[in-house]
Amino acid sequence: MSGYPLLRGPINFEGQVIGVTETLQKRESLGQKTLSFEFFPPRDSDAEVSLWNHYESLLGSNPDFVSVTYGAGGSSRDTSLAVVDRMAKDVLTVGHLTCVGATNEGTREIIDHFEQAGVRSILALRGDPPLQDPGALAKGELKSALELVELARSVSSLEIGVAAFPEVHPESPSMEHDAKVLKKKQDAGATFAMTQLFFTVEAYTRLVSAAEASGCALPIVPGVMPISNAAKVLRMAAMSGAEVPKDLLAQLESASDAEARIIGMEYSIRLANQLLEAGAPGLHIFTLNYSKAALEVARGAGLA
């Protein structure tokens, strides 16, 4: 059980089919926060069995929604769609949609698939090209997440979410530029945003302030990565360009694996609480398809 006041309770939508934005609004009207989890498509049969076992454990915390990622360049398309199909039967599920190497027709087909599977929301992303084809973006018909939002809005009534970057997009000149892009995505039809990996509450509050200054009113849900495997998370941070605080990095690098887990999880839970205290509408926890650390963060933040 959480050692903090529980910030979520049962919520009744009276049979209405709603999306992420309405869920955020409903929780806010009740003075509550949302809890959600991210999963990725399993790579083989053993990973698939593991995914569903951990998914069931996390489903017991009554998440408000979940999301399922899409492989670089759509490399895991069929597996991702299969995971989305199954999860959508249980809980509000956000299907990731990327435009690297994508055609307009192919994208419409995926959107149709989501609609038929009962998916209510998508997360429209530019995405990353696969390592074996770094020029994939140039080969596709869609060149940016903004174009993807525009296409999705023109052919579908699905709710559209987009990515936000607390530490500036790797190809952006500034936070202000990112905020203006976020505003354009809002104007094109996006109704919520979810952040990439980051490690300080200041990074989140700077993003929110910049978005507000640009006229963007999208609710921005922070993504939180539990630091249960420090070596893995530090590798992910290096790949994404996320800055790890120097004192935390020093502690993790000088600790044993067991000590690093304690240090990392204490930091993750503290960050989760700081984000909620700073006004974040909820937490989107990156599970890496494992339940234990994700539940520790959720419980430590008073969300489960």
Protein backbone atom coordinates (compact mmCIF):
# COMPACT_ATOMS: atom_id res chain seq x y z
CA MET A 1 0.00 0.00 0.00
CA SER A 2 1.06 3.58 -0.60
CA GLY A 3 2.54 5.61 2.21
CA TYR A 4 1.03 8.72 0.62
CA PRO A 5 -2.61 9.91 0.47
CA LEU A 6 -4.40 8.07 -2.34
CA LEU A 7 -4.89 10.52 -5.22
CA ARG A 8 -7.25 8.35 -7.26
CA GLY A 9 -10.53 6.65 -6.58
CA PRO A 10 -13.18 4.73 -8.53
CA ILE A 11 -14.49 6.70 -11.48
CA ASN A 12 -17.83 6.13 -13.18
CA PHE A 13 -18.38 7.29 -16.74
CA GLU A 14 -21.88 5.82 -16.79
CA GLY A 15 -21.18 3.61 -19.78
CA GLN A 16 -19.86 6.42 -21.96
CA VAL A 17 -16.99 5.68 -24.33
CA ILE A 18 -14.46 8.40 -23.67
CA GLY A 19 -10.85 9.18 -24.44
CA VAL A 20 -7.72 10.35 -22.65
CA THR A 21 -8.61 14.04 -22.69
CA GLU A 22 -12.03 13.47 -21.15
CA THR A 23 -10.49 11.13 -18.57
CA LEU A 24 -7.96 13.82 -17.62
CA GLN A 25 -10.77 16.36 -17.34
CA LYS A 26 -12.92 14.04 -15.24
CA ARG A 27 -10.08 13.28 -12.85
CA GLU A 28 -9.27 16.98 -12.57
CA SER A 29 -12.91 17.81 -11.78
CA LEU A 30 -12.71 15.31 -8.91
CA GLY A 31 -9.38 16.71 -7.70
CA GLN A 32 -7.63 13.51 -8.79
CA LYS A 33 -4.73 12.44 -11.00
CA THR A 34 -4.56 9.85 -13.77
CA LEU A 35 -2.43 6.71 -13.82
CA SER A 36 -1.37 5.10 -17.08
CA PHE A 37 1.26 2.69 -18.37
CA GLU A 38 3.28 2.26 -21.57
CA PHE A 39 4.06 -1.14 -23.08
CA PHE A 40 6.00 -2.20 -26.16
CA PRO A 41 5.45 -5.13 -28.56
CA PRO A 42 7.17 -8.37 -27.44
CA ARG A 43 10.06 -9.56 -29.57
CA ASP A 44 9.45 -13.32 -29.28
CA SER A 45 7.11 -15.90 -27.75
CA ASP A 46 8.81 -15.89 -24.34
CA ALA A 47 8.62 -12.12 -24.17
CA GLU A 48 4.95 -12.31 -25.15
CA VAL A 49 4.13 -14.61 -22.23
CA SER A 50 6.03 -12.29 -19.90
CA LEU A 51 4.26 -9.20 -21.26
CA TRP A 52 0.79 -10.55 -20.58
CA ASN A 53 1.68 -11.73 -17.09
CA HIS A 54 3.01 -8.29 -16.16
CA TYR A 55 0.13 -6.57 -17.95
CA GLU A 56 -2.37 -8.47 -15.83
CA SER A 57 -0.53 -7.40 -12.68
CA LEU A 58 -0.66 -3.76 -13.75
CA LEU A 59 -4.29 -4.01 -14.82
CA GLY A 60 -5.08 -4.75 -11.18
CA SER A 61 -4.14 -1.14 -10.31
CA ASN A 62 -7.06 0.07 -12.48
CA PRO A 63 -5.08 2.33 -14.82
CA ASP A 64 -7.03 5.06 -16.57
CA PHE A 65 -5.41 4.12 -19.87
CA VAL A 66 -2.42 2.36 -21.42
CA SER A 67 -0.36 2.94 -24.56
CA VAL A 68 1.47 0.60 -26.91
CA THR A 69 4.56 1.71 -28.80
CA TYR A 70 5.42 1.13 -32.43
CA GLY A 71 8.82 -0.14 -33.56
CA ALA A 72 11.27 2.13 -35.37
CA GLY A 73 10.03 2.69 -38.90
CA GLY A 74 6.99 0.53 -38.17
CA SER A 75 9.21 -2.55 -37.79
CA SER A 76 6.88 -4.15 -35.23
CA ARG A 77 3.61 -3.07 -36.86
CA ASP A 78 1.74 -6.39 -36.80
CA THR A 79 2.83 -7.28 -33.27
CA SER A 80 1.99 -3.81 -32.02
CA LEU A 81 -1.48 -3.93 -33.56
CA ALA A 82 -2.11 -7.36 -32.02
CA VAL A 83 -1.17 -6.04 -28.55
CA VAL A 84 -3.39 -2.99 -29.03
CA ASP A 85 -6.30 -5.20 -30.12
CA ARG A 86 -6.08 -7.31 -26.98
CA MET A 87 -5.56 -4.46 -24.51
CA ALA A 88 -8.37 -2.38 -26.02
CA LYS A 89 -10.83 -5.04 -24.84
CA ASP A 90 -9.83 -4.34 -21.20
CA VAL A 91 -8.88 -0.69 -20.86
CA LEU A 92 -8.72 2.61 -22.76
CA THR A 93 -5.76 1.98 -25.08
CA VAL A 94 -3.70 4.53 -26.98
CA GLY A 95 -2.15 3.16 -30.15
CA HIS A 96 1.13 4.76 -31.20
CA LEU A 97 1.29 5.80 -34.83
CA THR A 98 4.50 6.91 -36.55
CA CYS A 99 5.20 8.43 -39.93
CA VAL A 100 8.77 7.28 -40.66
CA GLY A 101 8.60 5.57 -44.03
CA ALA A 102 4.79 5.66 -43.97
CA THR A 103 2.44 6.25 -46.87
CA ASN A 104 -0.88 8.07 -46.63
CA GLU A 105 -2.75 4.92 -47.64
CA GLY A 106 -0.90 2.70 -45.18
CA THR A 107 -1.51 5.17 -42.37
CA ARG A 108 -5.24 5.26 -43.18
CA GLU A 109 -5.29 1.46 -43.02
CA ILE A 110 -3.79 1.46 -39.53
CA ILE A 111 -6.25 4.14 -38.38
CA ASP A 112 -9.11 2.02 -39.77
CA HIS A 113 -7.72 -0.97 -37.91
CA PHE A 114 -7.63 0.99 -34.65
CA GLU A 115 -11.23 2.13 -35.11
CA GLN A 116 -12.45 -1.40 -35.80
CA ALA A 117 -10.57 -2.69 -32.72
CA GLY A 118 -12.37 -0.21 -30.48
CA VAL A 119 -9.35 2.04 -29.98
CA ARG A 120 -10.40 5.55 -28.99
CA SER A 121 -7.07 7.39 -29.04
CA ILE A 122 -3.80 7.50 -30.95
CA LEU A 123 -0.42 9.07 -30.20
CA ALA A 124 0.84 10.67 -33.41
CA LEU A 125 4.64 10.64 -33.57
CA ARG A 126 7.26 11.25 -36.22
CA GLY A 127 9.14 8.25 -34.92
CA ASP A 128 12.72 7.07 -35.36
CA PRO A 129 14.12 5.39 -38.48
CA PRO A 130 15.31 1.80 -38.01
CA LEU A 131 19.06 1.42 -37.55
CA GLN A 132 19.35 -0.50 -40.81
CA ASP A 133 17.59 2.25 -42.77
CA PRO A 134 18.51 5.70 -41.41
CA GLY A 135 17.04 7.39 -44.50
CA ALA A 136 13.57 5.93 -43.99
CA LEU A 137 11.94 9.26 -43.16
CA ALA A 138 12.86 10.73 -46.54
CA LYS A 139 11.35 7.72 -48.32
CA GLY A 140 7.91 8.08 -46.80
CA GLU A 141 5.07 10.39 -47.78
CA LEU A 142 4.66 11.80 -44.27
CA LYS A 143 7.57 13.90 -43.01
CA SER A 144 6.49 15.14 -39.59
CA ALA A 145 4.21 14.45 -36.66
CA LEU A 146 2.27 17.58 -37.60
CA GLU A 147 1.47 16.11 -41.02
CA LEU A 148 0.40 12.90 -39.29
CA VAL A 149 -1.94 14.81 -36.98
CA GLU A 150 -3.44 16.62 -39.96
CA LEU A 151 -3.97 13.36 -41.85
CA ALA A 152 -5.49 11.57 -38.86
CA ARG A 153 -7.88 14.45 -38.22
CA SER A 154 -8.97 14.56 -41.86
CA VAL A 155 -9.89 10.86 -42.05
CA SER A 156 -10.92 9.93 -38.52
CA SER A 157 -12.65 11.02 -35.35
CA LEU A 158 -10.05 9.29 -33.17
CA GLU A 159 -8.66 11.40 -30.35
CA ILE A 160 -5.10 12.49 -31.13
CA GLY A 161 -2.25 12.86 -28.67
CA VAL A 162 1.27 14.04 -29.46
CA ALA A 163 4.76 13.96 -27.95
CA ALA A 164 6.28 16.76 -25.90
CA PHE A 165 9.96 17.21 -25.11
CA PRO A 166 10.96 18.48 -21.65
CA GLU A 167 14.59 18.82 -22.69
CA VAL A 168 13.98 20.06 -26.25
CA HIS A 169 13.66 17.88 -29.32
CA PRO A 170 17.12 16.74 -30.53
CA GLU A 171 16.62 18.58 -33.83
CA SER A 172 15.06 21.73 -32.36
CA PRO A 173 16.92 25.02 -31.85
CA SER A 174 15.07 25.88 -28.63
CA MET A 175 12.28 25.14 -26.17
CA GLU A 176 10.37 28.09 -27.62
CA HIS A 177 10.48 26.47 -31.06
CA ASP A 178 9.22 23.19 -29.58
CA ALA A 179 6.37 25.05 -27.88
CA LYS A 180 5.34 26.67 -31.16
CA VAL A 181 5.32 23.26 -32.85
CA LEU A 182 3.18 21.90 -30.02
CA LYS A 183 0.74 24.78 -30.56
CA LYS A 184 0.57 23.95 -34.29
CA LYS A 185 -0.25 20.33 -33.41
CA GLN A 186 -2.99 21.56 -31.10
CA ASP A 187 -4.39 23.76 -33.87
CA ALA A 188 -4.29 20.76 -36.24
CA GLY A 189 -6.44 18.67 -33.89
CA ALA A 190 -4.33 17.23 -31.08
CA THR A 191 -5.99 17.33 -27.65
CA PHE A 192 -3.31 16.03 -25.26
CA ALA A 193 0.43 15.52 -25.05
CA MET A 194 2.72 13.00 -23.37
CA THR A 195 6.38 13.59 -22.66
CA GLN A 196 9.52 11.76 -23.55
CA LEU A 197 12.01 10.52 -20.95
CA PHE A 198 13.38 13.10 -18.46
CA PHE A 199 14.68 13.18 -14.89
CA THR A 200 13.91 16.50 -13.18
CA VAL A 201 10.72 18.30 -12.26
CA GLU A 202 12.28 21.54 -13.51
CA ALA A 203 12.46 20.12 -17.04
CA TYR A 204 8.72 19.45 -16.93
CA THR A 205 7.73 22.82 -15.49
CA ARG A 206 9.88 24.65 -18.07
CA LEU A 207 8.09 22.76 -20.83
CA VAL A 208 4.64 23.56 -19.43
CA SER A 209 5.53 27.25 -19.04
CA ALA A 210 6.88 27.46 -22.60
CA ALA A 211 3.78 25.74 -23.96
CA GLU A 212 1.49 28.14 -22.11
CA ALA A 213 3.49 31.13 -23.34
CA SER A 214 3.00 29.92 -26.93
CA GLY A 215 -0.76 29.71 -26.44
CA CYS A 216 -0.79 25.93 -26.23
CA ALA A 217 -3.37 24.64 -23.74
CA LEU A 218 -2.84 20.89 -24.21
CA PRO A 219 -2.72 18.90 -20.97
CA ILE A 220 0.81 17.47 -20.80
CA VAL A 221 1.15 14.11 -19.07
CA PRO A 222 4.72 13.44 -17.90
CA GLY A 223 6.30 10.10 -18.72
CA VAL A 224 8.18 8.58 -15.78
CA MET A 225 10.84 5.90 -16.13
CA PRO A 226 11.34 3.83 -12.94
CA ILE A 227 15.08 3.50 -12.32
CA SER A 228 15.03 -0.14 -11.25
CA ASN A 229 17.81 -1.20 -13.61
CA ALA A 230 20.21 1.74 -13.48
CA ALA A 231 22.54 0.54 -16.23
CA LYS A 232 19.67 0.08 -18.69
CA VAL A 233 18.01 3.39 -17.86
CA LEU A 234 21.30 5.28 -18.14
CA ARG A 235 21.85 3.76 -21.59
CA MET A 236 18.37 4.85 -22.62
CA ALA A 237 19.03 8.34 -21.27
CA ALA A 238 22.25 8.59 -23.27
CA MET A 239 20.49 7.45 -26.46
CA SER A 240 17.61 9.90 -26.02
CA GLY A 241 19.72 12.83 -24.85
CA ALA A 242 17.94 13.04 -21.50
CA GLU A 243 20.14 14.66 -18.86
CA VAL A 244 20.64 12.69 -15.64
CA PRO A 245 21.37 14.93 -12.62
CA LYS A 246 25.09 14.75 -11.80
CA ASP A 247 24.59 13.80 -8.15
CA LEU A 248 22.20 10.99 -9.08
CA LEU A 249 24.55 9.76 -11.79
CA ALA A 250 27.49 9.69 -9.36
CA GLN A 251 25.48 7.73 -6.80
CA LEU A 252 24.28 5.19 -9.35
CA GLU A 253 27.70 4.65 -10.91
CA SER A 254 29.40 4.06 -7.57
CA ALA A 255 26.75 1.68 -6.20
CA SER A 256 26.29 -2.05 -6.50
CA ASP A 257 23.33 -3.23 -8.59
CA ALA A 258 21.21 -3.77 -5.48
CA GLU A 259 22.15 -0.39 -4.02
CA ALA A 260 21.57 1.32 -7.36
CA ARG A 261 18.04 -0.06 -7.49
CA ILE A 262 17.23 1.38 -4.07
CA ILE A 263 18.75 4.76 -4.98
CA GLY A 264 17.07 4.82 -8.38
CA MET A 265 13.61 3.83 -7.18
CA GLU A 266 13.69 6.32 -4.31
CA TYR A 267 14.57 9.02 -6.83
CA SER A 268 11.84 7.89 -9.24
CA ILE A 269 9.14 7.96 -6.55
CA ARG A 270 10.33 11.37 -5.33
CA LEU A 271 10.23 12.72 -8.90
CA ALA A 272 6.74 11.29 -9.42
CA ASN A 273 5.47 13.10 -6.33
CA GLN A 274 7.21 16.33 -7.32
CA LEU A 275 5.55 16.22 -10.74
CA LEU A 276 2.10 15.77 -9.26
CA GLU A 277 2.74 18.56 -6.75
CA ALA A 278 3.86 20.80 -9.65
CA GLY A 279 0.48 20.35 -11.29
CA ALA A 280 0.95 17.40 -13.65
CA PRO A 281 -2.47 15.91 -14.49
CA GLY A 282 -1.20 12.39 -13.90
CA LEU A 283 1.67 10.01 -14.56
CA HIS A 284 2.38 7.85 -17.59
CA ILE A 285 4.80 5.18 -16.39
CA PHE A 286 7.18 3.50 -18.85
CA THR A 287 6.96 -0.15 -17.78
CA LEU A 288 9.52 -1.75 -20.13
CA ASN A 289 6.94 -4.57 -19.96
CA TYR A 290 7.59 -5.24 -16.25
CA SER A 291 5.15 -4.61 -13.45
CA LYS A 292 7.12 -4.49 -10.18
CA ALA A 293 8.92 -1.15 -10.52
CA ALA A 294 5.96 0.48 -12.28
CA LEU A 295 3.69 -0.48 -9.38
CA GLU A 296 6.23 0.78 -6.86
CA VAL A 297 6.18 4.21 -8.50
CA ALA A 298 2.39 4.23 -8.81
CA ARG A 299 1.93 3.28 -5.17
CA GLY A 300 4.67 5.61 -3.98
CA ALA A 301 2.91 8.48 -5.75
CA GLY A 302 -0.45 7.61 -4.22
CA LEU A 303 -2.01 6.48 -7.50
CA ALA A 304 -2.49 2.80 -6.74
